[in-house]
N, C-alpha and C. Protein backbone atom coordinates (compact mmCIF):
# COMPACT_ATOMS: atom_id res chain seq x y z
N MET A 1 28.31 -53.68 -2.14
CA MET A 1 28.52 -52.25 -2.32
C MET A 1 27.35 -51.49 -1.68
N ASN A 2 27.66 -50.44 -1.00
CA ASN A 2 26.67 -49.61 -0.33
C ASN A 2 25.92 -48.79 -1.38
N PRO A 3 24.56 -48.86 -1.42
CA PRO A 3 23.80 -48.11 -2.43
C PRO A 3 23.93 -46.59 -2.27
N LEU A 4 24.33 -46.09 -1.13
CA LEU A 4 24.50 -44.65 -0.92
C LEU A 4 25.95 -44.20 -1.03
N SER A 5 26.78 -45.04 -1.57
CA SER A 5 28.20 -44.69 -1.66
C SER A 5 28.46 -43.50 -2.57
N PHE A 6 27.52 -43.22 -3.50
CA PHE A 6 27.72 -42.07 -4.39
C PHE A 6 27.71 -40.75 -3.60
N LEU A 7 27.07 -40.76 -2.42
CA LEU A 7 27.04 -39.55 -1.61
C LEU A 7 28.41 -39.20 -1.06
N ALA A 8 29.28 -40.18 -1.01
CA ALA A 8 30.63 -39.93 -0.52
C ALA A 8 31.45 -39.12 -1.51
N ARG A 9 31.01 -39.10 -2.74
CA ARG A 9 31.72 -38.30 -3.75
C ARG A 9 31.16 -36.88 -3.72
N PRO A 10 31.99 -35.88 -3.50
CA PRO A 10 31.51 -34.50 -3.39
C PRO A 10 30.78 -34.02 -4.64
N GLY A 11 31.20 -34.42 -5.80
CA GLY A 11 30.57 -33.97 -7.04
C GLY A 11 29.12 -34.43 -7.15
N TRP A 12 28.84 -35.67 -6.80
CA TRP A 12 27.48 -36.20 -6.86
C TRP A 12 26.59 -35.52 -5.83
N PHE A 13 27.13 -35.32 -4.64
CA PHE A 13 26.35 -34.67 -3.59
C PHE A 13 25.99 -33.24 -4.01
N LEU A 14 26.95 -32.51 -4.55
CA LEU A 14 26.72 -31.14 -5.00
C LEU A 14 25.70 -31.10 -6.13
N ALA A 15 25.81 -32.04 -7.07
CA ALA A 15 24.85 -32.09 -8.18
C ALA A 15 23.44 -32.34 -7.66
N GLY A 16 23.31 -33.24 -6.70
CA GLY A 16 21.99 -33.53 -6.12
C GLY A 16 21.42 -32.33 -5.39
N ALA A 17 22.26 -31.66 -4.63
CA ALA A 17 21.81 -30.48 -3.89
C ALA A 17 21.37 -29.37 -4.84
N LEU A 18 22.10 -29.16 -5.92
CA LEU A 18 21.73 -28.14 -6.90
C LEU A 18 20.42 -28.50 -7.59
N PHE A 19 20.21 -29.79 -7.86
CA PHE A 19 18.97 -30.22 -8.49
C PHE A 19 17.77 -29.91 -7.59
N VAL A 20 17.89 -30.25 -6.32
CA VAL A 20 16.81 -29.99 -5.37
C VAL A 20 16.57 -28.48 -5.24
N LEU A 21 17.63 -27.70 -5.18
CA LEU A 21 17.51 -26.25 -5.11
C LEU A 21 16.81 -25.69 -6.34
N SER A 22 17.16 -26.19 -7.52
CA SER A 22 16.54 -25.70 -8.75
C SER A 22 15.05 -26.03 -8.79
N LEU A 23 14.66 -27.17 -8.24
CA LEU A 23 13.23 -27.49 -8.17
C LEU A 23 12.49 -26.48 -7.29
N GLY A 24 13.09 -26.13 -6.17
CA GLY A 24 12.48 -25.15 -5.27
C GLY A 24 12.35 -23.78 -5.91
N VAL A 25 13.37 -23.33 -6.59
CA VAL A 25 13.34 -22.03 -7.27
C VAL A 25 12.29 -22.03 -8.37
N THR A 26 12.23 -23.11 -9.14
CA THR A 26 11.24 -23.21 -10.22
C THR A 26 9.83 -23.14 -9.64
N TRP A 27 9.59 -23.86 -8.57
CA TRP A 27 8.27 -23.83 -7.94
C TRP A 27 7.93 -22.41 -7.49
N ALA A 28 8.87 -21.73 -6.87
CA ALA A 28 8.63 -20.37 -6.37
C ALA A 28 8.31 -19.41 -7.51
N LEU A 29 9.03 -19.54 -8.61
CA LEU A 29 8.80 -18.64 -9.75
C LEU A 29 7.43 -18.87 -10.36
N PHE A 30 7.00 -20.10 -10.48
CA PHE A 30 5.72 -20.38 -11.11
C PHE A 30 4.55 -20.16 -10.18
N SER A 31 4.79 -20.02 -8.89
CA SER A 31 3.70 -19.74 -7.97
C SER A 31 3.36 -18.26 -7.94
N PHE A 32 4.20 -17.40 -8.51
CA PHE A 32 3.95 -15.96 -8.61
C PHE A 32 3.17 -15.69 -9.88
N GLU A 33 2.17 -14.81 -9.82
CA GLU A 33 1.46 -14.43 -11.03
C GLU A 33 2.35 -13.54 -11.87
N ARG A 34 2.18 -13.62 -13.17
CA ARG A 34 3.03 -12.86 -14.09
C ARG A 34 2.52 -11.43 -14.30
N ASP A 35 1.31 -11.11 -13.90
CA ASP A 35 0.76 -9.79 -14.17
C ASP A 35 0.87 -8.87 -12.97
N GLY A 36 2.09 -8.58 -12.58
CA GLY A 36 2.30 -7.60 -11.53
C GLY A 36 2.84 -8.18 -10.25
N GLY A 37 2.78 -9.48 -10.09
CA GLY A 37 3.36 -10.09 -8.92
C GLY A 37 2.46 -10.14 -7.71
N GLU A 38 1.34 -9.44 -7.72
CA GLU A 38 0.44 -9.49 -6.58
C GLU A 38 -0.41 -10.74 -6.72
N THR A 39 -0.41 -11.57 -5.72
CA THR A 39 -1.23 -12.77 -5.74
C THR A 39 -2.14 -12.74 -4.53
N ALA A 40 -3.34 -13.21 -4.73
CA ALA A 40 -4.28 -13.32 -3.62
C ALA A 40 -5.32 -14.36 -3.98
N ASP A 41 -5.77 -15.07 -2.98
CA ASP A 41 -6.86 -15.99 -3.20
C ASP A 41 -8.13 -15.19 -3.42
N ALA A 42 -9.17 -15.88 -3.90
CA ALA A 42 -10.43 -15.20 -4.19
C ALA A 42 -10.99 -14.52 -2.95
N ASP A 43 -10.72 -15.07 -1.77
CA ASP A 43 -11.26 -14.50 -0.54
C ASP A 43 -10.35 -13.46 0.09
N ASP A 44 -9.17 -13.23 -0.47
CA ASP A 44 -8.22 -12.30 0.11
C ASP A 44 -8.48 -10.87 -0.34
N THR A 45 -8.13 -9.94 0.51
CA THR A 45 -8.19 -8.53 0.19
C THR A 45 -6.79 -7.97 0.35
N LEU A 46 -6.33 -7.24 -0.66
CA LEU A 46 -5.03 -6.58 -0.56
C LEU A 46 -5.23 -5.27 0.20
N GLN A 47 -4.53 -5.10 1.31
CA GLN A 47 -4.67 -3.93 2.16
C GLN A 47 -3.41 -3.07 2.03
N VAL A 48 -3.62 -1.79 1.71
CA VAL A 48 -2.51 -0.88 1.47
C VAL A 48 -2.79 0.44 2.18
N VAL A 49 -1.73 1.02 2.77
CA VAL A 49 -1.85 2.35 3.35
C VAL A 49 -0.82 3.25 2.69
N TYR A 50 -1.29 4.39 2.19
CA TYR A 50 -0.42 5.42 1.62
C TYR A 50 -0.21 6.49 2.69
N HIS A 51 1.03 6.93 2.86
CA HIS A 51 1.42 7.89 3.89
C HIS A 51 1.77 9.22 3.23
N ILE A 52 1.03 10.26 3.57
CA ILE A 52 1.31 11.59 3.00
C ILE A 52 1.49 12.57 4.15
N ASN A 53 2.67 13.21 4.18
CA ASN A 53 2.95 14.17 5.25
C ASN A 53 3.64 15.44 4.75
N ALA A 54 3.58 15.69 3.44
CA ALA A 54 4.23 16.88 2.87
C ALA A 54 3.17 17.85 2.34
N ASP A 55 3.44 19.13 2.50
CA ASP A 55 2.57 20.18 1.97
C ASP A 55 3.08 20.56 0.58
N ASP A 56 2.70 19.77 -0.41
CA ASP A 56 3.18 19.97 -1.78
C ASP A 56 2.09 19.51 -2.74
N PRO A 57 1.30 20.47 -3.30
CA PRO A 57 0.19 20.10 -4.17
C PRO A 57 0.61 19.24 -5.37
N ALA A 58 1.79 19.48 -5.93
CA ALA A 58 2.24 18.66 -7.06
C ALA A 58 2.50 17.23 -6.60
N LEU A 59 3.11 17.08 -5.43
CA LEU A 59 3.33 15.74 -4.88
C LEU A 59 2.00 15.06 -4.58
N HIS A 60 1.05 15.81 -4.04
CA HIS A 60 -0.26 15.24 -3.73
C HIS A 60 -0.91 14.66 -4.98
N LEU A 61 -0.95 15.46 -6.04
CA LEU A 61 -1.60 15.01 -7.28
C LEU A 61 -0.86 13.81 -7.86
N ASN A 62 0.44 13.85 -7.84
CA ASN A 62 1.23 12.73 -8.36
C ASN A 62 1.00 11.47 -7.52
N ALA A 63 0.97 11.62 -6.21
CA ALA A 63 0.75 10.46 -5.32
C ALA A 63 -0.62 9.84 -5.58
N LEU A 64 -1.64 10.69 -5.76
CA LEU A 64 -2.98 10.16 -6.00
C LEU A 64 -3.10 9.52 -7.38
N ARG A 65 -2.39 10.05 -8.35
CA ARG A 65 -2.38 9.40 -9.67
C ARG A 65 -1.68 8.05 -9.58
N ASN A 66 -0.60 7.97 -8.82
CA ASN A 66 0.07 6.68 -8.61
C ASN A 66 -0.87 5.70 -7.92
N LEU A 67 -1.64 6.20 -6.96
CA LEU A 67 -2.60 5.35 -6.27
C LEU A 67 -3.63 4.81 -7.26
N GLN A 68 -4.13 5.66 -8.15
CA GLN A 68 -5.09 5.20 -9.17
C GLN A 68 -4.44 4.17 -10.08
N ASN A 69 -3.19 4.38 -10.47
CA ASN A 69 -2.48 3.39 -11.28
C ASN A 69 -2.35 2.07 -10.53
N HIS A 70 -2.13 2.15 -9.23
CA HIS A 70 -2.06 0.96 -8.39
C HIS A 70 -3.37 0.18 -8.47
N ILE A 71 -4.48 0.89 -8.34
CA ILE A 71 -5.80 0.25 -8.43
C ILE A 71 -6.00 -0.36 -9.81
N ASP A 72 -5.72 0.43 -10.84
CA ASP A 72 -5.93 -0.04 -12.22
C ASP A 72 -5.06 -1.24 -12.57
N GLY A 73 -3.86 -1.30 -12.02
CA GLY A 73 -2.93 -2.36 -12.38
C GLY A 73 -2.90 -3.53 -11.42
N SER A 74 -3.79 -3.51 -10.44
CA SER A 74 -3.76 -4.57 -9.43
C SER A 74 -4.29 -5.88 -9.99
N ALA A 75 -3.65 -6.96 -9.58
CA ALA A 75 -4.03 -8.29 -10.04
C ALA A 75 -5.05 -8.93 -9.11
N VAL A 76 -5.46 -8.23 -8.07
CA VAL A 76 -6.43 -8.79 -7.14
C VAL A 76 -7.78 -8.11 -7.33
N ASP A 77 -8.82 -8.83 -6.94
CA ASP A 77 -10.17 -8.31 -7.13
C ASP A 77 -10.57 -7.30 -6.05
N ARG A 78 -10.06 -7.49 -4.84
CA ARG A 78 -10.50 -6.62 -3.75
C ARG A 78 -9.31 -5.90 -3.14
N LEU A 79 -9.45 -4.59 -3.10
CA LEU A 79 -8.42 -3.73 -2.50
C LEU A 79 -9.05 -2.97 -1.34
N GLU A 80 -8.28 -2.76 -0.32
CA GLU A 80 -8.68 -1.88 0.78
C GLU A 80 -7.54 -0.89 0.94
N ILE A 81 -7.77 0.34 0.47
CA ILE A 81 -6.71 1.34 0.47
C ILE A 81 -7.10 2.50 1.37
N LYS A 82 -6.14 2.91 2.20
CA LYS A 82 -6.33 4.06 3.06
C LYS A 82 -5.18 5.03 2.83
N VAL A 83 -5.50 6.31 2.85
CA VAL A 83 -4.49 7.36 2.75
C VAL A 83 -4.47 8.05 4.11
N VAL A 84 -3.33 7.98 4.78
CA VAL A 84 -3.20 8.63 6.09
C VAL A 84 -2.38 9.90 5.91
N MET A 85 -2.99 11.02 6.33
CA MET A 85 -2.35 12.33 6.19
C MET A 85 -2.12 12.93 7.57
N HIS A 86 -0.91 13.42 7.78
CA HIS A 86 -0.59 14.14 9.02
C HIS A 86 0.42 15.23 8.68
N GLY A 87 0.65 16.12 9.62
CA GLY A 87 1.58 17.22 9.36
C GLY A 87 1.14 17.98 8.11
N GLY A 88 2.11 18.30 7.26
CA GLY A 88 1.82 19.03 6.03
C GLY A 88 0.92 18.28 5.07
N GLY A 89 0.82 16.97 5.22
CA GLY A 89 -0.02 16.17 4.33
C GLY A 89 -1.50 16.48 4.43
N VAL A 90 -1.92 17.03 5.57
CA VAL A 90 -3.33 17.40 5.74
C VAL A 90 -3.74 18.44 4.70
N SER A 91 -2.76 19.20 4.21
CA SER A 91 -3.06 20.23 3.21
C SER A 91 -3.59 19.63 1.91
N LEU A 92 -3.41 18.34 1.70
CA LEU A 92 -3.96 17.71 0.49
C LEU A 92 -5.45 18.01 0.39
N LEU A 93 -6.18 17.78 1.48
CA LEU A 93 -7.63 18.02 1.45
C LEU A 93 -7.97 19.50 1.55
N GLN A 94 -7.05 20.33 2.07
CA GLN A 94 -7.27 21.78 2.03
C GLN A 94 -7.15 22.27 0.59
N HIS A 95 -6.10 21.85 -0.10
CA HIS A 95 -5.90 22.26 -1.50
C HIS A 95 -7.01 21.73 -2.39
N ALA A 96 -7.55 20.56 -2.06
CA ALA A 96 -8.60 19.96 -2.89
C ALA A 96 -9.87 20.81 -2.90
N LYS A 97 -10.06 21.65 -1.90
CA LYS A 97 -11.23 22.54 -1.90
C LYS A 97 -11.16 23.55 -3.03
N ASP A 98 -9.93 23.96 -3.41
CA ASP A 98 -9.76 25.01 -4.41
C ASP A 98 -9.21 24.52 -5.74
N ASP A 99 -8.62 23.35 -5.77
CA ASP A 99 -7.97 22.83 -6.99
C ASP A 99 -8.88 21.77 -7.62
N PRO A 100 -9.48 22.11 -8.79
CA PRO A 100 -10.44 21.17 -9.39
C PRO A 100 -9.82 19.82 -9.78
N ASP A 101 -8.57 19.81 -10.24
CA ASP A 101 -7.93 18.53 -10.60
C ASP A 101 -7.74 17.65 -9.37
N LEU A 102 -7.25 18.24 -8.31
CA LEU A 102 -7.03 17.49 -7.08
C LEU A 102 -8.36 17.02 -6.50
N ARG A 103 -9.35 17.91 -6.48
CA ARG A 103 -10.67 17.56 -5.96
C ARG A 103 -11.28 16.40 -6.74
N SER A 104 -11.19 16.47 -8.07
CA SER A 104 -11.74 15.41 -8.92
C SER A 104 -11.04 14.07 -8.67
N THR A 105 -9.73 14.13 -8.50
CA THR A 105 -8.96 12.90 -8.26
C THR A 105 -9.34 12.30 -6.91
N VAL A 106 -9.47 13.13 -5.88
CA VAL A 106 -9.89 12.65 -4.56
C VAL A 106 -11.28 12.02 -4.66
N ASP A 107 -12.20 12.71 -5.33
CA ASP A 107 -13.57 12.20 -5.46
C ASP A 107 -13.61 10.87 -6.20
N THR A 108 -12.83 10.75 -7.26
CA THR A 108 -12.78 9.50 -8.03
C THR A 108 -12.26 8.36 -7.17
N LEU A 109 -11.23 8.63 -6.39
CA LEU A 109 -10.69 7.59 -5.51
C LEU A 109 -11.68 7.21 -4.42
N LYS A 110 -12.38 8.20 -3.87
CA LYS A 110 -13.38 7.90 -2.84
C LYS A 110 -14.51 7.03 -3.41
N MET A 111 -14.86 7.25 -4.67
CA MET A 111 -15.90 6.42 -5.30
C MET A 111 -15.44 4.97 -5.46
N GLN A 112 -14.13 4.76 -5.36
CA GLN A 112 -13.56 3.41 -5.43
C GLN A 112 -13.22 2.88 -4.04
N ASP A 113 -13.84 3.49 -3.03
CA ASP A 113 -13.72 3.08 -1.63
C ASP A 113 -12.35 3.33 -1.01
N VAL A 114 -11.58 4.26 -1.55
CA VAL A 114 -10.34 4.68 -0.90
C VAL A 114 -10.73 5.59 0.26
N ARG A 115 -10.19 5.32 1.44
CA ARG A 115 -10.47 6.13 2.62
C ARG A 115 -9.35 7.13 2.84
N PHE A 116 -9.70 8.37 3.12
CA PHE A 116 -8.74 9.42 3.44
C PHE A 116 -8.86 9.71 4.94
N LEU A 117 -7.80 9.44 5.68
CA LEU A 117 -7.80 9.61 7.12
C LEU A 117 -6.88 10.76 7.52
N VAL A 118 -7.38 11.61 8.40
CA VAL A 118 -6.67 12.84 8.78
C VAL A 118 -6.28 12.78 10.25
N CYS A 119 -5.07 13.21 10.53
CA CYS A 119 -4.53 13.21 11.89
C CYS A 119 -5.21 14.27 12.75
N GLY A 120 -5.85 13.84 13.83
CA GLY A 120 -6.49 14.77 14.74
C GLY A 120 -5.51 15.68 15.46
N ASN A 121 -4.33 15.16 15.78
CA ASN A 121 -3.31 15.99 16.43
C ASN A 121 -2.92 17.17 15.54
N THR A 122 -2.75 16.90 14.24
CA THR A 122 -2.39 17.97 13.31
C THR A 122 -3.52 19.00 13.22
N LEU A 123 -4.76 18.51 13.12
CA LEU A 123 -5.89 19.43 13.03
C LEU A 123 -5.94 20.34 14.26
N ASP A 124 -5.79 19.74 15.44
CA ASP A 124 -5.85 20.53 16.68
C ASP A 124 -4.70 21.52 16.77
N LYS A 125 -3.50 21.06 16.50
CA LYS A 125 -2.31 21.92 16.62
C LYS A 125 -2.37 23.10 15.66
N ARG A 126 -2.92 22.87 14.47
CA ARG A 126 -2.95 23.93 13.45
C ARG A 126 -4.28 24.67 13.39
N GLY A 127 -5.21 24.32 14.26
CA GLY A 127 -6.50 25.00 14.28
C GLY A 127 -7.31 24.78 13.02
N ILE A 128 -7.23 23.59 12.45
CA ILE A 128 -7.96 23.26 11.22
C ILE A 128 -9.23 22.50 11.59
N GLU A 129 -10.33 22.94 11.02
CA GLU A 129 -11.62 22.26 11.22
C GLU A 129 -11.86 21.30 10.06
N LEU A 130 -12.69 20.29 10.28
CA LEU A 130 -13.02 19.36 9.19
C LEU A 130 -13.67 20.09 8.02
N ASP A 131 -14.41 21.18 8.32
CA ASP A 131 -15.04 21.96 7.25
C ASP A 131 -14.01 22.65 6.35
N ASP A 132 -12.79 22.80 6.84
CA ASP A 132 -11.72 23.41 6.04
C ASP A 132 -11.15 22.43 5.02
N LEU A 133 -11.55 21.17 5.12
CA LEU A 133 -11.01 20.11 4.26
C LEU A 133 -12.08 19.63 3.29
N HIS A 134 -11.64 19.23 2.11
CA HIS A 134 -12.58 18.74 1.10
C HIS A 134 -13.20 17.42 1.54
N ASP A 135 -14.52 17.40 1.64
CA ASP A 135 -15.30 16.19 1.87
C ASP A 135 -14.82 15.36 3.06
N ALA A 136 -14.43 16.03 4.14
CA ALA A 136 -13.98 15.32 5.35
C ALA A 136 -15.12 15.25 6.35
N GLU A 137 -15.26 14.09 6.97
CA GLU A 137 -16.30 13.85 7.95
C GLU A 137 -15.65 13.39 9.26
N PRO A 138 -16.40 13.41 10.35
CA PRO A 138 -15.82 12.96 11.63
C PRO A 138 -15.21 11.56 11.56
N LYS A 139 -15.78 10.66 10.77
CA LYS A 139 -15.24 9.29 10.68
C LYS A 139 -13.86 9.26 10.01
N ASP A 140 -13.48 10.36 9.34
CA ASP A 140 -12.18 10.43 8.65
C ASP A 140 -11.06 10.91 9.58
N ARG A 141 -11.42 11.33 10.75
CA ARG A 141 -10.43 11.86 11.72
C ARG A 141 -9.93 10.71 12.60
N VAL A 142 -8.62 10.57 12.66
CA VAL A 142 -8.00 9.60 13.58
C VAL A 142 -7.24 10.40 14.63
N SER A 143 -7.09 9.84 15.81
CA SER A 143 -6.46 10.62 16.88
C SER A 143 -5.02 10.98 16.54
N SER A 144 -4.27 10.04 15.97
CA SER A 144 -2.87 10.27 15.63
C SER A 144 -2.57 9.63 14.27
N GLY A 145 -2.01 10.41 13.36
CA GLY A 145 -1.66 9.87 12.05
C GLY A 145 -0.59 8.80 12.14
N ILE A 146 0.45 9.06 12.92
CA ILE A 146 1.53 8.09 13.10
C ILE A 146 1.00 6.84 13.80
N GLY A 147 0.15 7.05 14.80
CA GLY A 147 -0.45 5.91 15.49
C GLY A 147 -1.28 5.06 14.55
N GLU A 148 -2.02 5.71 13.66
CA GLU A 148 -2.85 4.97 12.69
C GLU A 148 -1.98 4.21 11.70
N LEU A 149 -0.90 4.83 11.24
CA LEU A 149 0.03 4.12 10.34
C LEU A 149 0.59 2.87 11.02
N THR A 150 0.96 3.01 12.27
CA THR A 150 1.50 1.88 13.02
C THR A 150 0.45 0.79 13.18
N ARG A 151 -0.76 1.18 13.54
CA ARG A 151 -1.84 0.21 13.74
C ARG A 151 -2.14 -0.54 12.44
N LEU A 152 -2.22 0.18 11.33
CA LEU A 152 -2.53 -0.46 10.05
C LEU A 152 -1.42 -1.41 9.61
N GLN A 153 -0.17 -1.01 9.82
CA GLN A 153 0.94 -1.90 9.44
C GLN A 153 0.93 -3.16 10.30
N ARG A 154 0.63 -3.01 11.57
CA ARG A 154 0.55 -4.20 12.44
C ARG A 154 -0.61 -5.10 12.04
N ALA A 155 -1.65 -4.50 11.43
CA ALA A 155 -2.81 -5.27 10.98
C ALA A 155 -2.57 -5.91 9.61
N GLY A 156 -1.38 -5.69 9.03
CA GLY A 156 -1.04 -6.35 7.77
C GLY A 156 -1.10 -5.48 6.53
N TYR A 157 -1.34 -4.19 6.70
CA TYR A 157 -1.37 -3.30 5.54
C TYR A 157 0.03 -3.12 4.98
N THR A 158 0.12 -3.07 3.67
CA THR A 158 1.38 -2.75 3.00
C THR A 158 1.54 -1.23 3.04
N TYR A 159 2.71 -0.77 3.44
CA TYR A 159 3.00 0.66 3.60
C TYR A 159 3.64 1.21 2.33
N ILE A 160 3.08 2.32 1.83
CA ILE A 160 3.65 2.99 0.66
C ILE A 160 3.80 4.47 0.99
N LYS A 161 4.99 4.98 0.75
CA LYS A 161 5.28 6.42 0.95
C LYS A 161 5.63 7.00 -0.41
N PRO A 162 4.67 7.66 -1.05
CA PRO A 162 4.97 8.23 -2.39
C PRO A 162 5.92 9.42 -2.31
């Protein structure tokens, strides 16, 4: 008798295939961390880019609070977060000059090494100077907001649009 003759029976073959599949699924489930699903080795850095392009102070504050929740709830030790603003989104740092809640939230995030990057095309087109923005420096200006978003995503950043 052929020792592999059981494979000729469809029921046995299907049972074996399902068993192997269940082992793979079990392994995949247990390889994920249970506290949020973000996994990283000790040497890994989670890289995230937030995209803001709307002129809406309520949306700005909500987006930045979500960003803080992201930091607080992250399962990894090292985060590298950048906020790219273009179009109407540049107003986030304009409003932060006059809105104490928004300004405080931006400052708190900056103290946690969150970078705020501003589209140079938008600044030029709208005649906005860096001095018109809260705590903006020349290093915060990128030539193109969309170009920067593309570059960061190609570099492995996770894209979030609040």
